[in-house]
Each structure stands twice: as C-alpha cells, then as structure tokens.
C-alpha cells in the first residue's frame, strides 16, 4: 500500500475509491493506466476495510467498559 493511502482517513479513502470506480467504469484507452487505477482501487478498498475493522474492534473493547460504568 502506498504511503499516501496508508495515511488516509476513512472518508478520504472512500471518496477516492468512489472516483476510481467511476473512472474504471468508463472506457479506457490505456490498459497500463487502467491496471494502475485498479491496483490503487484495491489498496483503497483494503484501507477502508482495515479502518472499519479497527473501529469495530475498538467499539467491542469499549462496550464492556461502558456497560460496567452504567451498571448499578
């Protein structure tokens, strides 16, 4: 994964991924550029998945603590 993608937050990665998908949906003349776009799109999708997994893990860790805090 490129460094710029690794630093992206979820919203930025999703926005670029959406743009990439739209570009790939159009007819492309340059096969090499299409492949590069596809690879970047995959990296963006992996970044989004990782960020979602991390958020889910953090919420799972926080949920028991929140339940204990609200218990009488």
N, C-alpha and C. Protein backbone atom coordinates (compact mmCIF):
# COMPACT_ATOMS: atom_id res chain seq x y z
N UNK A 1 0.85 -1.17 0.00
CA UNK A 1 0.00 0.00 0.00
C UNK A 1 0.90 1.23 0.00
N UNK A 2 0.54 2.19 -0.82
CA UNK A 2 1.36 3.39 -0.87
C UNK A 2 1.18 4.20 0.41
N UNK A 3 2.19 5.01 0.70
CA UNK A 3 2.18 5.77 1.94
C UNK A 3 1.03 6.76 2.01
N UNK A 4 0.67 7.36 0.87
CA UNK A 4 -0.44 8.33 0.91
C UNK A 4 -1.75 7.64 1.27
N UNK A 5 -1.96 6.44 0.80
CA UNK A 5 -3.17 5.69 1.15
C UNK A 5 -3.12 5.28 2.61
N UNK A 6 -1.96 4.87 3.08
CA UNK A 6 -1.82 4.43 4.47
C UNK A 6 -2.12 5.55 5.46
N UNK A 7 -1.99 6.80 5.04
CA UNK A 7 -2.26 7.93 5.93
C UNK A 7 -3.69 8.45 5.81
N UNK A 8 -4.45 7.94 4.85
CA UNK A 8 -5.81 8.44 4.62
C UNK A 8 -6.75 8.03 5.73
N UNK A 9 -7.67 8.94 6.03
CA UNK A 9 -8.75 8.56 6.92
C UNK A 9 -9.83 7.87 6.08
N UNK A 10 -10.82 7.34 6.75
CA UNK A 10 -11.84 6.54 6.06
C UNK A 10 -12.57 7.36 4.98
N UNK A 11 -12.98 8.56 5.33
CA UNK A 11 -13.76 9.37 4.40
C UNK A 11 -12.98 9.70 3.13
N UNK A 12 -11.71 10.02 3.27
CA UNK A 12 -10.88 10.33 2.10
C UNK A 12 -10.68 9.09 1.24
N UNK A 13 -10.44 7.96 1.87
CA UNK A 13 -10.23 6.72 1.11
C UNK A 13 -11.49 6.31 0.36
N UNK A 14 -12.64 6.43 1.01
CA UNK A 14 -13.90 6.07 0.34
C UNK A 14 -14.18 7.01 -0.83
N UNK A 15 -13.95 8.30 -0.63
CA UNK A 15 -14.18 9.27 -1.71
C UNK A 15 -13.31 8.96 -2.92
N UNK A 16 -12.04 8.69 -2.68
CA UNK A 16 -11.16 8.37 -3.82
C UNK A 16 -11.53 7.04 -4.45
N UNK A 17 -11.92 6.08 -3.63
CA UNK A 17 -12.34 4.78 -4.16
C UNK A 17 -13.56 4.94 -5.06
N UNK A 18 -14.52 5.76 -4.65
CA UNK A 18 -15.69 6.01 -5.48
C UNK A 18 -15.31 6.63 -6.81
N UNK A 19 -14.39 7.60 -6.78
CA UNK A 19 -13.92 8.22 -8.03
C UNK A 19 -13.22 7.21 -8.92
N UNK A 20 -12.43 6.35 -8.31
CA UNK A 20 -11.69 5.34 -9.06
C UNK A 20 -12.65 4.37 -9.74
N UNK A 21 -13.66 3.94 -9.02
CA UNK A 21 -14.66 3.02 -9.59
C UNK A 21 -15.37 3.68 -10.76
N UNK A 22 -15.72 4.95 -10.62
CA UNK A 22 -16.37 5.67 -11.72
C UNK A 22 -15.45 5.73 -12.94
N UNK A 23 -14.17 6.03 -12.72
CA UNK A 23 -13.21 6.09 -13.82
C UNK A 23 -13.05 4.74 -14.50
N UNK A 24 -12.99 3.69 -13.70
CA UNK A 24 -12.83 2.36 -14.28
C UNK A 24 -14.08 1.92 -15.04
N UNK A 25 -15.23 2.50 -14.71
CA UNK A 25 -16.47 2.18 -15.42
C UNK A 25 -16.53 2.80 -16.79
N UNK A 26 -15.68 3.77 -17.06
CA UNK A 26 -15.63 4.41 -18.36
C UNK A 26 -14.66 3.66 -19.26
N UNK A 27 -14.84 3.81 -20.54
CA UNK A 27 -13.94 3.15 -21.49
C UNK A 27 -12.56 3.77 -21.39
N UNK A 28 -11.55 2.92 -21.25
CA UNK A 28 -10.17 3.37 -21.11
C UNK A 28 -9.38 3.01 -22.37
N UNK A 29 -8.54 3.92 -22.79
CA UNK A 29 -7.68 3.66 -23.94
C UNK A 29 -6.35 3.04 -23.54
N UNK A 30 -5.89 3.35 -22.35
CA UNK A 30 -4.57 2.91 -21.91
C UNK A 30 -4.72 1.78 -20.90
N UNK A 31 -4.37 0.58 -21.32
CA UNK A 31 -4.50 -0.60 -20.46
C UNK A 31 -3.63 -0.49 -19.22
N UNK A 32 -2.41 0.00 -19.37
CA UNK A 32 -1.50 0.11 -18.22
C UNK A 32 -2.07 1.07 -17.18
N UNK A 33 -2.67 2.17 -17.62
CA UNK A 33 -3.28 3.12 -16.68
C UNK A 33 -4.48 2.49 -15.99
N UNK A 34 -5.26 1.71 -16.71
CA UNK A 34 -6.40 1.02 -16.11
C UNK A 34 -5.95 0.05 -15.03
N UNK A 35 -4.86 -0.65 -15.29
CA UNK A 35 -4.33 -1.60 -14.31
C UNK A 35 -3.84 -0.85 -13.07
N UNK A 36 -3.15 0.27 -13.27
CA UNK A 36 -2.69 1.08 -12.13
C UNK A 36 -3.87 1.59 -11.30
N UNK A 37 -4.91 2.04 -12.00
CA UNK A 37 -6.10 2.52 -11.29
C UNK A 37 -6.76 1.38 -10.50
N UNK A 38 -6.83 0.21 -11.11
CA UNK A 38 -7.42 -0.94 -10.44
C UNK A 38 -6.63 -1.31 -9.19
N UNK A 39 -5.31 -1.32 -9.32
CA UNK A 39 -4.45 -1.64 -8.16
C UNK A 39 -4.63 -0.61 -7.05
N UNK A 40 -4.70 0.65 -7.42
CA UNK A 40 -4.91 1.69 -6.40
C UNK A 40 -6.28 1.52 -5.76
N UNK A 41 -7.27 1.19 -6.56
CA UNK A 41 -8.61 0.95 -6.02
C UNK A 41 -8.62 -0.19 -5.02
N UNK A 42 -7.89 -1.26 -5.32
CA UNK A 42 -7.78 -2.37 -4.37
C UNK A 42 -7.12 -1.92 -3.07
N UNK A 43 -6.07 -1.14 -3.19
CA UNK A 43 -5.38 -0.64 -1.99
C UNK A 43 -6.31 0.25 -1.17
N UNK A 44 -7.10 1.07 -1.84
CA UNK A 44 -8.06 1.92 -1.14
C UNK A 44 -9.13 1.08 -0.44
N UNK A 45 -9.61 0.04 -1.11
CA UNK A 45 -10.62 -0.84 -0.51
C UNK A 45 -10.05 -1.55 0.71
N UNK A 46 -8.80 -1.99 0.62
CA UNK A 46 -8.16 -2.65 1.77
C UNK A 46 -8.00 -1.66 2.93
N UNK A 47 -7.65 -0.42 2.63
CA UNK A 47 -7.51 0.60 3.67
C UNK A 47 -8.85 0.83 4.37
N UNK A 48 -9.92 0.95 3.59
CA UNK A 48 -11.25 1.14 4.17
C UNK A 48 -11.63 -0.04 5.06
N UNK A 49 -11.38 -1.24 4.58
CA UNK A 49 -11.72 -2.44 5.36
C UNK A 49 -10.93 -2.47 6.67
N UNK A 50 -9.65 -2.13 6.61
CA UNK A 50 -8.82 -2.12 7.82
C UNK A 50 -9.32 -1.09 8.82
N UNK A 51 -9.66 0.10 8.33
CA UNK A 51 -10.17 1.14 9.23
C UNK A 51 -11.49 0.73 9.87
N UNK A 52 -12.36 0.09 9.10
CA UNK A 52 -13.63 -0.39 9.66
C UNK A 52 -13.40 -1.49 10.69
N UNK A 53 -12.49 -2.41 10.39
CA UNK A 53 -12.16 -3.48 11.34
C UNK A 53 -11.60 -2.90 12.64
N UNK A 54 -10.72 -1.92 12.52
CA UNK A 54 -10.14 -1.28 13.70
C UNK A 54 -11.21 -0.59 14.54
N UNK A 55 -12.12 0.11 13.87
CA UNK A 55 -13.19 0.79 14.59
C UNK A 55 -14.10 -0.22 15.29
N UNK A 56 -14.42 -1.31 14.62
CA UNK A 56 -15.26 -2.34 15.23
C UNK A 56 -14.57 -2.95 16.45
N UNK A 57 -13.27 -3.20 16.34
CA UNK A 57 -12.52 -3.76 17.46
C UNK A 57 -12.53 -2.81 18.65
N UNK A 58 -12.30 -1.51 18.38
CA UNK A 58 -12.30 -0.54 19.46
C UNK A 58 -13.67 -0.45 20.13
N UNK A 59 -14.73 -0.48 19.33
CA UNK A 59 -16.08 -0.44 19.91
C UNK A 59 -16.36 -1.68 20.75
N UNK A 60 -15.89 -2.83 20.28
CA UNK A 60 -16.08 -4.06 21.06
C UNK A 60 -15.34 -4.00 22.38
N UNK A 61 -14.17 -3.39 22.39
CA UNK A 61 -13.40 -3.24 23.63
C UNK A 61 -14.05 -2.24 24.57
N UNK A 62 -14.66 -1.21 24.02
CA UNK A 62 -15.28 -0.18 24.84
C UNK A 62 -16.65 -0.59 25.38
N UNK A 63 -17.36 -1.43 24.67
CA UNK A 63 -18.72 -1.80 25.07
C UNK A 63 -18.77 -2.42 26.47
N UNK A 64 -17.92 -3.39 26.80
CA UNK A 64 -17.98 -3.94 28.17
C UNK A 64 -17.67 -2.89 29.24
N UNK A 65 -16.75 -2.00 28.97
CA UNK A 65 -16.41 -0.95 29.94
C UNK A 65 -17.59 0.00 30.12
N UNK A 66 -18.29 0.31 29.05
CA UNK A 66 -19.44 1.20 29.14
C UNK A 66 -20.57 0.53 29.89
N UNK A 67 -20.74 -0.77 29.69
CA UNK A 67 -21.79 -1.50 30.41
C UNK A 67 -21.50 -1.54 31.91
N UNK A 68 -20.24 -1.73 32.28
CA UNK A 68 -19.87 -1.74 33.69
C UNK A 68 -20.09 -0.37 34.32
N UNK A 69 -19.82 0.67 33.59
CA UNK A 69 -19.95 2.02 34.11
C UNK A 69 -21.41 2.39 34.35
N UNK A 70 -22.32 1.82 33.58
CA UNK A 70 -23.74 2.15 33.75
C UNK A 70 -24.48 1.18 34.64
N UNK A 71 -23.84 0.10 35.07
CA UNK A 71 -24.48 -0.86 35.95
C UNK A 71 -24.55 -0.32 37.38
N UNK A 72 -25.68 -0.61 38.08
CA UNK A 72 -25.79 -0.13 39.47
C UNK A 72 -24.89 -0.85 40.42
